Amino acid sequence: MRRIWPLLVVGVLLSCIGLVWTLQGFDVLRGSVMSGSSVWATIGPIVLVVGVVLVIVAIVRRRRRPE
């Protein structure tokens, strides 16, 4: 039996972090050194996509698990 929880937890955390970094990079969330920085506007979506991919992989593995 494959463990999906680690993938799911890491995927959700990365998605949340990536979303915050993206919003800060695009200066939607202000009040940080990262606000308005093109570096975080680039890194954020990459981390967000990696997180979403991990969540999808975890869901697919759960559905394919033999009963």
Protein backbone atom coordinates (compact mmCIF):
# COMPACT_ATOMS: atom_id res chain seq x y z
CA MET A 1 0.00 0.00 0.00
CA ARG A 2 1.35 3.37 -0.98
CA ARG A 3 1.34 6.26 1.45
CA ILE A 4 -0.31 9.29 -0.12
CA TRP A 5 -0.49 11.53 2.94
CA PRO A 6 3.09 12.85 2.72
CA LEU A 7 2.58 13.80 -0.93
CA LEU A 8 -0.76 15.39 -0.17
CA VAL A 9 0.52 17.41 2.80
CA VAL A 10 3.64 18.60 0.99
CA GLY A 11 1.58 19.42 -2.10
CA VAL A 12 -0.94 21.51 -0.16
CA LEU A 13 1.81 23.34 1.73
CA LEU A 14 3.74 24.11 -1.44
CA SER A 15 0.56 25.29 -3.14
CA CYS A 16 -0.22 27.69 -0.30
CA ILE A 17 3.34 29.00 -0.15
CA GLY A 18 3.47 29.38 -3.92
CA LEU A 19 0.19 31.29 -3.94
CA VAL A 20 1.39 33.70 -1.24
CA TRP A 21 4.71 34.24 -3.01
CA THR A 22 2.92 34.85 -6.31
CA LEU A 23 0.56 37.40 -4.79
CA GLN A 24 3.46 39.14 -3.06
CA GLY A 25 5.49 39.17 -6.26
CA PHE A 26 2.62 40.78 -8.16
CA ASP A 27 2.22 43.30 -5.31
CA VAL A 28 -1.27 42.12 -4.38
CA LEU A 29 -0.15 41.31 -0.83
CA ARG A 30 1.86 44.24 0.42
CA GLY A 31 4.00 44.90 3.45
CA SER A 32 6.93 42.63 2.73
CA VAL A 33 10.35 42.86 1.15
CA MET A 34 9.03 40.39 -1.41
CA SER A 35 6.18 42.69 -2.48
CA GLY A 36 6.48 43.89 -6.05
CA SER A 37 9.55 41.77 -6.76
CA SER A 38 9.72 40.03 -10.12
CA VAL A 39 11.82 37.26 -8.57
CA TRP A 40 8.89 36.16 -6.39
CA ALA A 41 6.44 36.70 -9.24
CA THR A 42 8.48 34.04 -11.07
CA ILE A 43 9.31 31.62 -8.24
CA GLY A 44 5.79 31.68 -6.76
CA PRO A 45 3.93 30.19 -9.74
CA ILE A 46 6.62 27.52 -10.15
CA VAL A 47 6.23 26.42 -6.53
CA LEU A 48 2.45 26.61 -6.90
CA VAL A 49 2.48 24.32 -9.94
CA VAL A 50 4.79 21.82 -8.21
CA GLY A 51 2.40 21.73 -5.25
CA VAL A 52 -0.65 21.20 -7.45
CA VAL A 53 1.13 18.40 -9.33
CA LEU A 54 1.95 16.65 -6.04
CA VAL A 55 -1.68 16.90 -4.94
CA ILE A 56 -2.84 15.44 -8.27
CA VAL A 57 -0.31 12.60 -8.03
CA ALA A 58 -1.53 11.80 -4.52
CA ILE A 59 -5.17 11.73 -5.67
CA VAL A 60 -4.37 9.51 -8.66
CA ARG A 61 -2.39 7.10 -6.48
CA ARG A 62 -5.28 6.87 -4.04
CA ARG A 63 -7.75 6.06 -6.80
CA ARG A 64 -5.51 3.37 -8.28
CA ARG A 65 -4.94 1.64 -4.94
CA PRO A 66 -6.08 -1.99 -5.06
CA GLU A 67 -8.77 -2.88 -2.59
